[in-house]
Amino acid sequence: MSEDSKKLHPNEGIKTRSNFLRGTIAEGLADLSTGQLATDDLQLIKFHGTYQQDDRDIRAERRAKKLEKAYSFMIRIRVPGGVATPKQWLETDRLAHDYANGTIKLTTRQAFQFHGIIKTNLKQTIKEINDTAMDTIAACGDVNRNVMCNPNPFQSQVHAEILKLSQDISDHLTPATRAYHEIWLDGEKVESSKEEVEPIYGKTYLPRKFKIAIAVPPSNDVDIHANDLSFIAIVEEGKLVGYNVAVGGGMGMTHGAEDTFPRIADIIGFCTPEQAVDVSEKVVLVQRDFGNRVERKNARLKYTINDRSADWFRDKVNEYLGYDLQPERGYHFESNGDRFGWVYGEDGRSHYTLFVQGGRVLDTPEYKMMTALREIAKVHDGDFRLTANQNLVIANVSSWSQAEIERLIKHYGLDKAGQESGLRRSSIACVALPTCALALTEAERYLPTVITELEEVLEQAGIRHDDIVIRMTGCPNGCGRPFLAEIGFVGRAPGKYNVYLGGGHAGDRLSKMYREAYPEDKLVELLTPIILDYGKARNEGEKFGDFVIRAGYVEATVNGPDFHLNIKKDAFA
């Protein structure tokens, strides 16, 4: 064994030995003596779109009874561009009830997510997902994941072009291995005598996950600065002329490891629409060849660029392309939120954006959201668009179906969502407890409570309807993009959060830590005087993230490594 191979992270060996992501997954699914899979296969199933989890709420109880953990699986469905048909929505609803926990999670990457699927139902669930013309391959793992694009319901022509690009990139960067079809769809097995290849990824795929998004200014609702690669649409006189190319964004970090940090993307040039798929491939190839395969926590593209520079990366991409990216073109972002209620497109069709708390579609005794959307899907002749803020657009509503959809919206009270506070409308929470194995604290189950208490403060400050971006995650991996929020809570220990302030309202600036390991029951008390100060002392049009920097609560984070530096001396007083 060479010295270099000895240094590789163990996951590299798992991928090398996996026979292009097969491992022993099929054998593990057939083993009915346990609800879990083998350790190496737990890494491989991510490439197939699923994670093994267990119910942490009942771990101690089962341990006391000497029972195996209550294992189940999360499945993530790729939805390139976040667009699904009414039929796909109805099938997703059915699968949630037939095999999962009866809810649908809308993710921050415009994907569907199921929780609570037991091992004996895992293969059938994935097979039925494929029967709906959707899939789970590459929804997780060290490959390109779901490609996001701006839902953009009021710029129909441009949206059609960027949606096609998101689908084209997704198709082009989907792993070529037949393992997915063999294991989950009973496809024909590749003969052992045939040499299988991954033309883009190779046998060891990428060093870490890879995320791509497409935005249309002035809306940054896909948070392009949080992605490894983003395309910023440049529209001139109503026509899409090309894209600025942004690279090296990413949110994850590790507590206590200052060589890990969130980072906002750098723009390295401009490409034409015809070049975009080629550019996406070559950016992936450069990361494949130069990314860190020794320290997994430093393996994202953001660290490759931080270590070598954006100029080096641009030059290397140009070398792989065989031509040069053009100079960056001007653009402007105003916000990274969604536009709620009815909007009307250029083609005469209308679109209704619905607020979905925490992205969780379910029925409660007071609010039958899941039932309402099921009934709407039965009469809807347009499509559904998942937003990067965990909300849902009932899109492309025709004039002849709008009256019935409006009736259903009012009948089930979906129109009450427009009465939410600006803070609640601008919130994101990851799943966290009880299913995520990485969660240190609550997020989805707790953030609504914090917001409800803060809404009283907002009323007092006279800013109830002002949009303030607030996000909570149960760990520092950044799935809910908390480090771009104006107010961010990141789980530090059970019942304690790091509190971050000062992110850019348009997702263009990182936040800074204001308090470390702060008790959850004191979060509202901590923020109250700051919010009241903002209501009283802000300048006209000044956003909360800008205000807390101007007022001296935190210093601005200029670039990724600065995230851990220059914390105000009185921050922990």
Protein backbone atom coordinates (compact mmCIF):
# COMPACT_ATOMS: atom_id res chain seq x y z
CA MET A 1 0.00 0.00 0.00
CA SER A 2 1.41 3.39 -0.94
CA GLU A 3 2.03 6.11 1.59
CA ASP A 4 -0.60 8.29 -0.08
CA SER A 5 -3.29 5.61 0.15
CA LYS A 6 -2.57 5.12 3.86
CA LYS A 7 -3.51 8.75 4.45
CA LEU A 8 -6.85 8.65 2.67
CA HIS A 9 -10.02 8.97 4.71
CA PRO A 10 -11.65 5.55 5.37
CA ASN A 11 -14.66 6.55 3.21
CA GLU A 12 -12.37 6.55 0.18
CA GLY A 13 -11.65 2.88 0.75
CA ILE A 14 -15.34 2.11 1.19
CA LYS A 15 -16.08 3.70 -2.18
CA THR A 16 -13.16 1.94 -3.88
CA ARG A 17 -14.24 -1.49 -2.60
CA SER A 18 -17.94 -0.92 -3.25
CA ASN A 19 -18.01 -2.10 -6.88
CA PHE A 20 -19.51 1.21 -7.98
CA LEU A 21 -21.78 1.72 -4.95
CA ARG A 22 -23.12 -1.84 -4.65
CA GLY A 23 -21.34 -2.98 -1.51
CA THR A 24 -23.48 -5.53 0.33
CA ILE A 25 -26.63 -3.43 0.30
CA ALA A 26 -28.76 -6.08 -1.43
CA GLU A 27 -27.69 -8.73 1.07
CA GLY A 28 -28.38 -6.38 3.97
CA LEU A 29 -31.90 -5.65 2.75
CA ALA A 30 -32.60 -9.39 2.68
CA ASP A 31 -31.39 -9.90 6.28
CA LEU A 32 -34.57 -9.80 8.38
CA SER A 33 -32.79 -10.44 11.69
CA THR A 34 -32.04 -6.73 12.18
CA GLY A 35 -33.48 -3.37 11.25
CA GLN A 36 -30.10 -1.91 10.32
CA LEU A 37 -27.52 -2.27 7.56
CA ALA A 38 -23.78 -2.97 7.69
CA THR A 39 -21.48 -0.10 8.65
CA ASP A 40 -19.84 0.34 5.23
CA ASP A 41 -23.23 0.14 3.50
CA LEU A 42 -24.47 3.05 5.61
CA GLN A 43 -22.06 5.25 3.67
CA LEU A 44 -23.03 3.74 0.31
CA ILE A 45 -26.82 4.00 0.71
CA LYS A 46 -26.43 7.78 0.85
CA PHE A 47 -25.54 7.72 -2.87
CA HIS A 48 -28.86 5.93 -3.41
CA GLY A 49 -30.77 8.69 -1.59
CA THR A 50 -31.33 7.27 1.88
CA TYR A 51 -29.90 7.51 5.41
CA GLN A 52 -30.32 5.08 8.29
CA GLN A 53 -31.69 6.78 11.41
CA ASP A 54 -33.36 5.85 14.66
CA ASP A 55 -35.92 7.43 16.98
CA ARG A 56 -33.77 9.18 19.59
CA ASP A 57 -36.82 9.99 21.70
CA ILE A 58 -37.06 6.32 22.68
CA ARG A 59 -33.40 5.25 22.65
CA ALA A 60 -33.07 5.08 26.42
CA GLU A 61 -36.32 3.16 26.80
CA ARG A 62 -35.26 0.54 24.26
CA ARG A 63 -31.77 0.29 25.74
CA ALA A 64 -33.27 -0.39 29.15
CA LYS A 65 -35.29 -3.23 27.63
CA LYS A 66 -32.18 -4.53 25.83
CA LEU A 67 -33.83 -3.92 22.47
CA GLU A 68 -32.19 -2.84 19.23
CA LYS A 69 -32.56 0.87 18.44
CA ALA A 70 -35.78 1.77 16.62
CA TYR A 71 -34.08 1.92 13.23
CA SER A 72 -35.78 3.46 10.23
CA PHE A 73 -34.69 5.22 7.07
CA MET A 74 -35.00 8.70 5.65
CA ILE A 75 -35.50 8.85 1.87
CA ARG A 76 -34.81 11.99 -0.13
CA ILE A 77 -36.45 12.39 -3.55
CA ARG A 78 -34.60 14.42 -6.17
CA VAL A 79 -36.76 17.09 -7.76
CA PRO A 80 -34.49 19.03 -10.17
CA GLY A 81 -35.55 22.65 -10.06
CA GLY A 82 -38.15 21.76 -7.43
CA VAL A 83 -40.95 21.17 -9.97
CA ALA A 84 -43.42 18.28 -9.55
CA THR A 85 -46.66 17.44 -11.34
CA PRO A 86 -49.99 17.12 -9.49
CA LYS A 87 -49.83 13.35 -10.08
CA GLN A 88 -46.38 13.22 -8.49
CA TRP A 89 -47.67 15.24 -5.54
CA LEU A 90 -50.54 12.79 -5.03
CA GLU A 91 -48.18 9.81 -5.22
CA THR A 92 -45.79 11.46 -2.76
CA ASP A 93 -48.73 11.98 -0.39
CA ARG A 94 -49.74 8.31 -0.77
CA LEU A 95 -46.21 7.02 -0.16
CA ALA A 96 -45.92 9.18 2.96
CA HIS A 97 -48.97 7.42 4.40
CA ASP A 98 -48.29 3.93 3.08
CA TYR A 99 -44.63 3.66 4.12
CA ALA A 100 -43.43 6.73 6.04
CA ASN A 101 -44.67 8.65 9.09
CA GLY A 102 -47.61 10.30 7.31
CA THR A 103 -45.83 13.60 6.64
CA ILE A 104 -43.82 15.13 3.80
CA LYS A 105 -40.77 17.24 4.53
CA LEU A 106 -39.97 19.95 1.97
CA THR A 107 -36.21 20.44 2.16
CA THR A 108 -34.07 23.52 1.72
CA ARG A 109 -32.80 21.99 -1.53
CA GLN A 110 -36.24 21.76 -3.17
CA ALA A 111 -36.57 18.04 -2.53
CA PHE A 112 -39.16 15.78 -0.89
CA GLN A 113 -38.10 13.87 2.19
CA PHE A 114 -39.72 10.92 3.96
CA HIS A 115 -38.99 9.78 7.51
CA GLY A 116 -39.76 6.60 9.44
CA ILE A 117 -39.47 4.00 6.66
CA ILE A 118 -38.53 0.59 8.06
CA LYS A 119 -35.96 -1.57 6.29
CA THR A 120 -38.48 -4.12 5.02
CA ASN A 121 -40.31 -1.31 3.16
CA LEU A 122 -37.24 0.51 1.89
CA LYS A 123 -36.86 -1.18 -1.50
CA GLN A 124 -40.59 -1.06 -2.31
CA THR A 125 -40.76 2.64 -1.42
CA ILE A 126 -37.86 3.54 -3.71
CA LYS A 127 -39.34 1.40 -6.49
CA GLU A 128 -42.68 3.19 -6.23
CA ILE A 129 -40.95 6.57 -6.19
CA ASN A 130 -39.39 5.63 -9.52
CA ASP A 131 -42.79 4.61 -10.83
CA THR A 132 -43.81 8.29 -10.41
CA ALA A 133 -40.99 9.38 -12.79
CA MET A 134 -38.95 10.68 -9.85
CA ASP A 135 -35.90 9.09 -8.25
CA THR A 136 -33.64 9.12 -5.21
CA ILE A 137 -30.26 8.39 -6.81
CA ALA A 138 -27.63 10.99 -5.91
CA ALA A 139 -29.99 12.78 -3.53
CA CYS A 140 -27.22 12.24 -0.96
CA GLY A 141 -23.60 11.06 -1.04
CA ASP A 142 -20.31 12.31 -2.50
CA VAL A 143 -21.81 13.38 -5.82
CA ASN A 144 -23.75 16.28 -7.22
CA ARG A 145 -27.08 16.46 -5.39
CA ASN A 146 -30.46 17.96 -6.31
CA VAL A 147 -29.95 20.94 -8.63
CA MET A 148 -31.91 23.94 -7.40
CA CYS A 149 -33.37 26.82 -9.38
CA ASN A 150 -35.37 29.93 -8.63
CA PRO A 151 -39.13 29.08 -8.66
CA ASN A 152 -39.64 32.53 -10.21
CA PRO A 153 -43.38 32.26 -10.92
CA PHE A 154 -43.67 35.73 -12.41
CA GLN A 155 -40.90 35.44 -15.05
CA SER A 156 -42.25 32.50 -16.97
CA GLN A 157 -39.95 32.44 -20.00
CA VAL A 158 -36.73 32.83 -18.05
CA HIS A 159 -37.90 30.28 -15.52
CA ALA A 160 -38.53 27.74 -18.26
CA GLU A 161 -34.95 28.14 -19.45
CA ILE A 162 -33.32 27.84 -16.05
CA LEU A 163 -35.56 24.91 -15.12
CA LYS A 164 -34.38 23.11 -18.25
CA LEU A 165 -30.78 23.87 -17.32
CA SER A 166 -31.27 22.49 -13.81
CA GLN A 167 -32.69 19.29 -15.28
CA ASP A 168 -29.94 19.06 -17.90
CA ILE A 169 -27.20 19.49 -15.29
CA SER A 170 -28.88 16.96 -13.01
CA ASP A 171 -29.09 14.41 -15.80
CA HIS A 172 -25.53 15.02 -16.95
CA LEU A 173 -24.03 14.65 -13.46
CA THR A 174 -26.11 11.67 -12.34
CA PRO A 175 -23.83 8.69 -11.55
CA ALA A 176 -23.67 6.20 -14.42
CA THR A 177 -23.43 3.08 -12.22
CA ARG A 178 -26.22 0.52 -12.69
CA ALA A 179 -26.11 -0.30 -8.97
CA TYR A 180 -29.21 1.79 -8.24
CA HIS A 181 -31.28 -0.03 -10.86
CA GLU A 182 -29.98 -3.44 -9.81
CA ILE A 183 -30.61 -3.03 -6.09
CA TRP A 184 -33.87 -1.08 -6.01
CA LEU A 185 -35.54 -1.70 -9.38
CA ASP A 186 -34.51 -5.31 -10.02
CA GLY A 187 -32.65 -4.21 -13.12
CA GLU A 188 -30.39 -6.51 -15.08
CA LYS A 189 -27.06 -6.98 -13.34
CA VAL A 190 -23.87 -5.93 -15.07
CA GLU A 191 -21.83 -8.97 -16.08
CA SER A 192 -18.70 -9.30 -13.97
CA SER A 193 -16.63 -9.68 -17.13
CA LYS A 194 -17.64 -6.22 -18.33
CA GLU A 195 -15.65 -3.19 -17.30
CA GLU A 196 -17.96 -0.64 -15.66
CA VAL A 197 -16.94 3.01 -15.68
CA GLU A 198 -18.03 6.29 -14.14
CA PRO A 199 -17.05 8.74 -16.90
CA ILE A 200 -17.28 11.83 -14.69
CA TYR A 201 -16.78 10.64 -11.12
CA GLY A 202 -14.44 7.65 -11.37
CA LYS A 203 -14.38 4.79 -8.84
CA THR A 204 -14.09 7.04 -5.78
CA TYR A 205 -16.58 9.73 -6.84
CA LEU A 206 -16.08 13.16 -5.21
CA PRO A 207 -14.26 13.89 -1.95
CA ARG A 208 -17.54 15.17 -0.46
CA LYS A 209 -21.06 16.25 -1.42
CA PHE A 210 -21.53 18.83 -4.16
CA LYS A 211 -24.38 21.33 -4.48
CA ILE A 212 -25.51 23.39 -7.47
CA ALA A 213 -28.10 26.19 -7.73
CA ILE A 214 -29.40 28.64 -10.34
CA ALA A 215 -30.70 32.09 -9.36
CA VAL A 216 -32.48 34.87 -11.24
CA PRO A 217 -31.74 38.34 -9.80
CA PRO A 218 -33.05 40.26 -8.00
CA SER A 219 -34.18 37.16 -6.07
CA ASN A 220 -31.55 35.05 -4.33
CA ASP A 221 -34.08 32.58 -2.94
CA VAL A 222 -31.78 29.62 -3.65
CA ASP A 223 -28.95 31.18 -1.57
CA ILE A 224 -26.32 30.91 -4.26
CA HIS A 225 -23.53 31.75 -1.80
CA ALA A 226 -24.21 28.52 0.10
CA ASN A 227 -23.53 26.28 -2.91
CA ASP A 228 -20.40 24.70 -4.34
CA LEU A 229 -21.42 25.94 -7.79
CA SER A 230 -24.07 28.45 -8.77
CA PHE A 231 -25.22 30.08 -11.96
CA ILE A 232 -26.57 33.64 -11.68
CA ALA A 233 -28.83 34.35 -14.65
CA ILE A 234 -28.07 37.55 -16.51
CA VAL A 235 -31.19 38.87 -18.22
CA GLU A 236 -30.92 41.76 -20.68
CA GLU A 237 -34.02 43.26 -22.30
CA GLY A 238 -36.05 40.29 -21.15
CA LYS A 239 -33.68 37.74 -22.70
CA LEU A 240 -31.40 35.31 -20.89
CA VAL A 241 -27.91 36.01 -22.22
CA GLY A 242 -25.88 33.80 -19.91
CA TYR A 243 -24.75 33.19 -16.34
CA ASN A 244 -22.21 34.46 -13.87
CA VAL A 245 -20.43 31.42 -12.42
CA ALA A 246 -20.02 31.35 -8.62
CA VAL A 247 -17.99 28.68 -6.82
CA GLY A 248 -16.88 27.74 -3.33
CA GLY A 249 -19.90 28.41 -1.15
CA GLY A 250 -20.82 26.11 1.73
CA MET A 251 -22.33 26.22 5.18
CA GLY A 252 -21.00 23.31 7.24
CA MET A 253 -18.41 23.59 10.00
CA THR A 254 -17.31 21.64 13.08
CA HIS A 255 -17.56 23.05 16.60
CA GLY A 256 -14.11 23.70 18.02
CA ALA A 257 -12.31 23.22 14.70
CA GLU A 258 -11.26 26.65 13.46
CA ASP A 259 -9.98 25.19 10.20
CA THR A 260 -13.64 24.60 9.31
CA PHE A 261 -15.97 27.47 8.54
CA PRO A 262 -18.88 28.54 6.34
CA ARG A 263 -17.91 30.42 3.22
CA ILE A 264 -19.72 32.50 0.62
CA ALA A 265 -19.07 31.81 -3.05
CA ASP A 266 -16.70 33.68 -5.36
CA ILE A 267 -17.69 34.68 -8.88
CA ILE A 268 -15.05 33.49 -11.35
CA GLY A 269 -16.58 34.58 -14.65
CA PHE A 270 -19.47 34.41 -17.09
CA CYS A 271 -20.62 31.72 -19.51
CA THR A 272 -23.23 31.51 -22.24
CA PRO A 273 -26.35 29.35 -21.80
CA GLU A 274 -24.87 26.78 -24.21
CA GLN A 275 -21.72 26.46 -22.08
CA ALA A 276 -23.37 26.00 -18.68
CA VAL A 277 -23.57 22.19 -18.60
CA ASP A 278 -19.97 21.94 -19.77
CA VAL A 279 -18.90 24.41 -17.08
CA SER A 280 -20.72 22.41 -14.41
CA GLU A 281 -18.90 19.24 -15.47
CA LYS A 282 -15.48 20.86 -15.50
CA VAL A 283 -15.97 22.47 -12.07
CA VAL A 284 -16.89 19.02 -10.74
CA LEU A 285 -13.82 17.48 -12.41
CA VAL A 286 -11.43 20.02 -10.88
CA GLN A 287 -12.88 19.32 -7.45
CA ARG A 288 -12.68 15.57 -8.11
CA ASP A 289 -8.99 15.85 -8.96
CA PHE A 290 -7.86 18.40 -6.36
CA GLY A 291 -10.28 18.11 -3.44
CA ASN A 292 -9.06 16.90 -0.05
CA ARG A 293 -9.54 13.13 0.34
CA VAL A 294 -7.58 12.90 3.61
CA GLU A 295 -9.49 15.20 5.98
CA ARG A 296 -13.18 14.77 5.23
CA LYS A 297 -14.13 17.83 7.26
CA ASN A 298 -11.99 19.88 4.86
CA ALA A 299 -13.10 18.12 1.68
CA ARG A 300 -15.74 20.51 0.30
CA LEU A 301 -14.95 22.71 -2.68
CA LYS A 302 -14.86 25.79 -0.45
CA TYR A 303 -11.65 24.50 1.18
CA THR A 304 -10.05 23.63 -2.16
CA ILE A 305 -10.59 27.24 -3.24
CA ASN A 306 -9.68 28.74 0.13
CA ASP A 307 -6.38 26.82 0.14
CA ARG A 308 -5.44 27.61 -3.47
CA SER A 309 -7.40 30.84 -4.32
CA ALA A 310 -10.31 31.59 -6.59
CA ASP A 311 -7.94 32.77 -9.34
CA TRP A 312 -6.17 29.40 -9.33
CA PHE A 313 -9.49 27.61 -9.51
CA ARG A 314 -10.73 29.78 -12.40
CA ASP A 315 -7.53 29.13 -14.34
CA LYS A 316 -7.81 25.40 -13.74
CA VAL A 317 -11.47 25.36 -14.86
CA ASN A 318 -10.48 27.28 -18.00
CA GLU A 319 -7.76 24.70 -18.65
CA TYR A 320 -10.26 21.83 -18.34
CA LEU A 321 -12.76 23.68 -20.54
CA GLY A 322 -10.31 24.47 -23.29
CA TYR A 323 -11.64 28.04 -23.40
CA ASP A 324 -11.85 30.96 -20.98
CA LEU A 325 -14.83 32.10 -18.99
CA GLN A 326 -15.80 35.67 -19.85
CA PRO A 327 -15.60 38.52 -17.31
CA GLU A 328 -18.37 38.72 -14.70
CA ARG A 329 -21.41 40.82 -15.60
CA GLY A 330 -23.36 43.13 -13.33
CA TYR A 331 -26.31 41.93 -11.21
CA HIS A 332 -28.08 42.81 -7.97
CA PHE A 333 -29.81 40.72 -5.30
CA GLU A 334 -32.46 42.21 -3.01
CA SER A 335 -33.61 39.30 -0.83
CA ASN A 336 -33.47 35.55 -0.37
CA GLY A 337 -37.09 35.05 0.69
CA ASP A 338 -40.26 33.94 -1.08
CA ARG A 339 -43.12 36.06 -2.38
CA PHE A 340 -46.33 34.82 -0.76
CA GLY A 341 -49.93 34.74 -1.96
CA TRP A 342 -51.08 35.15 -5.55
CA VAL A 343 -48.79 36.46 -8.27
CA TYR A 344 -49.54 36.59 -11.99
CA GLY A 345 -47.19 35.46 -14.72
CA GLU A 346 -46.47 36.86 -18.13
CA ASP A 347 -48.44 34.02 -19.78
CA GLY A 348 -51.76 34.69 -18.06
CA ARG A 349 -51.37 31.90 -15.51
CA SER A 350 -51.31 32.55 -11.78
CA HIS A 351 -49.26 31.16 -8.90
CA TYR A 352 -49.97 30.86 -5.18
CA THR A 353 -47.07 30.62 -2.72
CA LEU A 354 -47.97 28.93 0.54
CA PHE A 355 -45.98 29.28 3.77
CA VAL A 356 -45.10 25.84 5.20
CA GLN A 357 -43.78 25.99 8.77
CA GLY A 358 -40.47 24.14 8.87
CA GLY A 359 -41.29 22.59 5.50
CA ARG A 360 -43.43 19.95 7.20
CA VAL A 361 -46.60 19.08 5.27
CA LEU A 362 -49.03 17.37 7.64
CA ASP A 363 -52.53 17.56 9.07
CA THR A 364 -53.22 18.82 12.58
CA PRO A 365 -56.64 19.09 14.24
CA GLU A 366 -56.54 22.84 13.59
CA TYR A 367 -54.93 22.95 10.14
CA LYS A 368 -55.52 20.31 7.46
CA MET A 369 -52.74 21.37 5.12
CA MET A 370 -51.99 17.90 3.79
CA THR A 371 -55.62 17.18 3.03
CA ALA A 372 -56.02 20.58 1.37
CA LEU A 373 -53.04 20.07 -0.92
CA ARG A 374 -54.30 16.61 -1.82
CA GLU A 375 -57.64 18.05 -2.89
CA ILE A 376 -55.95 20.87 -4.79
CA ALA A 377 -53.71 18.39 -6.63
CA LYS A 378 -56.81 16.52 -7.86
CA VAL A 379 -58.07 19.59 -9.75
CA HIS A 380 -54.78 21.39 -10.49
CA ASP A 381 -53.65 21.43 -14.13
CA GLY A 382 -50.34 23.20 -13.56
CA ASP A 383 -47.47 22.10 -11.33
CA PHE A 384 -46.10 22.39 -7.80
CA ARG A 385 -42.79 24.13 -7.12
CA LEU A 386 -40.81 23.54 -3.97
CA THR A 387 -38.88 26.59 -2.82
CA ALA A 388 -35.46 26.67 -1.18
CA ASN A 389 -37.11 28.21 1.89
CA GLN A 390 -39.21 25.08 2.52
CA ASN A 391 -42.37 26.64 1.10
CA LEU A 392 -44.63 25.55 -1.75
CA VAL A 393 -45.86 27.25 -4.92
CA ILE A 394 -49.12 26.05 -6.46
CA ALA A 395 -47.91 27.14 -9.86
CA ASN A 396 -49.21 27.64 -13.38
CA VAL A 397 -52.83 27.76 -12.29
CA SER A 398 -55.03 28.16 -15.36
CA SER A 399 -57.89 30.63 -15.48
CA TRP A 400 -60.45 27.80 -15.59
CA SER A 401 -59.09 26.04 -12.46
CA GLN A 402 -58.24 29.10 -10.37
CA ALA A 403 -61.73 29.59 -8.95
CA GLU A 404 -61.86 26.04 -7.58
CA ILE A 405 -58.33 26.25 -6.19
CA GLU A 406 -59.15 29.57 -4.54
CA ARG A 407 -62.23 27.95 -2.99
CA LEU A 408 -60.14 25.10 -1.58
CA ILE A 409 -57.51 27.50 -0.27
CA LYS A 410 -60.16 29.42 1.65
CA HIS A 411 -62.11 26.32 2.73
CA TYR A 412 -59.04 24.80 4.39
CA GLY A 413 -57.66 28.09 5.69
CA LEU A 414 -54.50 28.09 3.64
CA ASP A 415 -54.97 31.81 3.01
CA LYS A 416 -54.35 32.46 6.72
CA ALA A 417 -50.67 31.84 6.05
CA GLY A 418 -50.48 35.39 4.69
CA GLN A 419 -51.15 36.64 8.19
CA GLU A 420 -47.93 35.19 9.55
CA SER A 421 -45.33 37.61 10.91
CA GLY A 422 -42.42 38.57 8.68
CA LEU A 423 -40.11 36.72 11.05
CA ARG A 424 -42.07 33.46 10.78
CA ARG A 425 -42.35 33.75 6.99
CA SER A 426 -38.57 34.13 6.81
CA SER A 427 -37.75 31.13 8.99
CA ILE A 428 -36.03 27.84 8.20
CA ALA A 429 -35.44 24.88 10.50
CA CYS A 430 -33.70 21.58 9.83
CA VAL A 431 -35.25 18.31 11.01
CA ALA A 432 -32.84 17.76 13.95
CA LEU A 433 -34.30 15.63 16.78
CA PRO A 434 -35.61 13.00 17.04
CA THR A 435 -34.31 11.39 13.81
CA CYS A 436 -31.08 13.13 12.77
CA ALA A 437 -28.09 11.33 14.26
CA LEU A 438 -25.99 14.51 14.19
CA ALA A 439 -28.41 16.78 16.04
CA LEU A 440 -27.25 18.18 19.36
CA THR A 441 -30.45 20.13 20.00
CA GLU A 442 -33.96 20.67 18.66
CA ALA A 443 -34.70 22.77 15.57
CA GLU A 444 -37.90 22.05 13.63
CA ARG A 445 -39.85 21.24 16.81
CA TYR A 446 -38.53 24.24 18.77
CA LEU A 447 -38.09 27.22 16.42
CA PRO A 448 -41.88 27.87 16.11
CA THR A 449 -42.03 28.32 19.89
CA VAL A 450 -39.17 30.82 19.87
CA ILE A 451 -40.80 32.75 17.03
CA THR A 452 -44.16 32.87 18.82
CA GLU A 453 -42.48 34.47 21.85
CA LEU A 454 -40.48 36.86 19.68
CA GLU A 455 -43.64 37.96 17.87
CA GLU A 456 -44.74 39.74 21.04
CA VAL A 457 -41.47 41.68 20.97
CA LEU A 458 -41.96 42.48 17.29
CA GLU A 459 -45.42 43.87 18.06
CA GLN A 460 -43.95 46.04 20.78
CA ALA A 461 -41.26 47.29 18.38
CA GLY A 462 -43.82 47.93 15.64
CA ILE A 463 -42.11 45.64 13.14
CA ARG A 464 -44.34 42.54 13.08
CA HIS A 465 -44.53 42.49 9.29
CA ASP A 466 -40.86 43.25 8.63
CA ASP A 467 -38.97 40.33 7.10
CA ILE A 468 -36.09 39.24 9.33
CA VAL A 469 -34.33 36.05 8.24
CA ILE A 470 -34.19 33.62 11.18
CA ARG A 471 -32.92 30.04 11.01
CA MET A 472 -32.26 27.22 13.47
CA THR A 473 -30.28 24.01 13.09
CA GLY A 474 -29.58 21.22 15.55
CA CYS A 475 -25.88 21.00 14.66
CA PRO A 476 -23.24 23.05 12.79
CA ASN A 477 -23.50 21.13 9.50
CA GLY A 478 -25.59 24.00 8.18
CA CYS A 479 -28.45 22.15 6.46
CA GLY A 480 -30.78 25.10 7.14
CA ARG A 481 -28.13 27.67 6.07
CA PRO A 482 -28.08 29.37 9.51
CA PHE A 483 -24.80 31.16 8.89
CA LEU A 484 -26.41 33.34 6.21
CA ALA A 485 -29.33 34.31 8.47
CA GLU A 486 -29.78 37.67 10.15
CA ILE A 487 -30.54 35.66 13.31
CA GLY A 488 -29.12 32.15 13.47
CA PHE A 489 -29.32 29.49 16.18
CA VAL A 490 -26.96 26.53 15.90
CA GLY A 491 -27.11 23.59 18.30
CA ARG A 492 -24.03 23.46 20.59
CA ALA A 493 -25.07 21.06 23.33
CA PRO A 494 -28.37 19.69 24.68
CA GLY A 495 -30.55 22.73 25.42
CA LYS A 496 -27.90 25.22 24.28
CA TYR A 497 -27.30 27.15 21.06
CA ASN A 498 -24.64 29.33 19.56
CA VAL A 499 -26.36 32.58 18.56
CA TYR A 500 -25.26 34.30 15.35
CA LEU A 501 -26.21 37.78 14.12
CA GLY A 502 -25.51 39.95 11.10
CA GLY A 503 -26.02 37.81 8.03
CA GLY A 504 -26.96 39.69 4.86
CA HIS A 505 -30.69 39.94 4.17
CA ALA A 506 -30.04 38.92 0.56
CA GLY A 507 -27.82 36.01 1.60
CA ASP A 508 -24.63 37.82 0.60
CA ARG A 509 -22.83 38.06 3.97
CA LEU A 510 -22.02 35.57 6.70
CA SER A 511 -23.11 36.14 10.27
CA LYS A 512 -20.91 36.39 13.38
CA MET A 513 -21.22 34.60 16.72
CA TYR A 514 -22.88 36.77 19.39
CA ARG A 515 -23.23 34.24 22.20
CA GLU A 516 -21.83 30.75 22.62
CA ALA A 517 -23.71 27.79 24.15
CA TYR A 518 -26.57 30.02 25.27
CA PRO A 519 -29.47 28.37 27.16
CA GLU A 520 -32.57 27.83 25.03
CA ASP A 521 -34.90 29.29 27.67
CA LYS A 522 -33.04 32.63 27.55
CA LEU A 523 -32.89 33.15 23.79
CA VAL A 524 -35.90 35.47 23.66
CA GLU A 525 -34.61 37.47 26.61
CA LEU A 526 -31.26 37.83 24.83
CA LEU A 527 -32.77 39.11 21.59
CA THR A 528 -35.49 41.34 23.04
CA PRO A 529 -33.40 44.49 23.62
CA ILE A 530 -31.72 44.14 20.23
CA ILE A 531 -35.05 43.88 18.40
CA LEU A 532 -36.48 46.83 20.35
CA ASP A 533 -33.35 48.84 19.53
CA TYR A 534 -33.74 47.96 15.88
CA GLY A 535 -37.36 49.11 15.86
CA LYS A 536 -36.38 52.43 17.38
CA ALA A 537 -32.95 53.26 15.93
CA ARG A 538 -32.82 51.73 12.45
CA ASN A 539 -32.33 53.87 9.40
CA GLU A 540 -35.02 53.98 6.74
CA GLY A 541 -34.96 50.71 4.80
CA GLU A 542 -32.15 49.29 6.93
CA LYS A 543 -32.27 45.51 7.32
CA PHE A 544 -31.79 43.81 10.67
CA GLY A 545 -28.50 42.17 9.68
CA ASP A 546 -27.04 45.51 8.60
CA PHE A 547 -28.32 47.23 11.74
CA VAL A 548 -26.67 44.89 14.25
CA ILE A 549 -23.33 45.51 12.57
CA ARG A 550 -23.77 49.30 12.42
CA ALA A 551 -24.97 49.36 16.02
CA GLY A 552 -21.92 47.39 17.18
CA TYR A 553 -23.53 44.17 18.36
CA VAL A 554 -21.23 42.14 16.07
CA GLU A 555 -18.55 42.81 13.50
CA ALA A 556 -19.02 41.96 9.85
CA THR A 557 -17.62 38.69 8.52
CA VAL A 558 -15.64 39.56 5.41
CA ASN A 559 -14.71 36.03 4.28
CA GLY A 560 -14.84 32.45 5.49
CA PRO A 561 -11.77 32.28 7.78
CA ASP A 562 -12.89 35.54 9.42
CA PHE A 563 -15.97 33.70 10.69
CA HIS A 564 -14.11 32.70 13.86
CA LEU A 565 -12.19 35.98 14.27
CA ASN A 566 -12.87 39.48 15.55
CA ILE A 567 -15.73 38.52 17.83
CA LYS A 568 -16.48 41.60 19.87
CA LYS A 569 -14.71 41.61 23.23
CA ASP A 570 -17.95 42.12 25.14
CA ALA A 571 -19.79 39.36 23.26
CA PHE A 572 -19.68 36.95 26.18
CA ALA A 573 -20.06 39.44 29.00
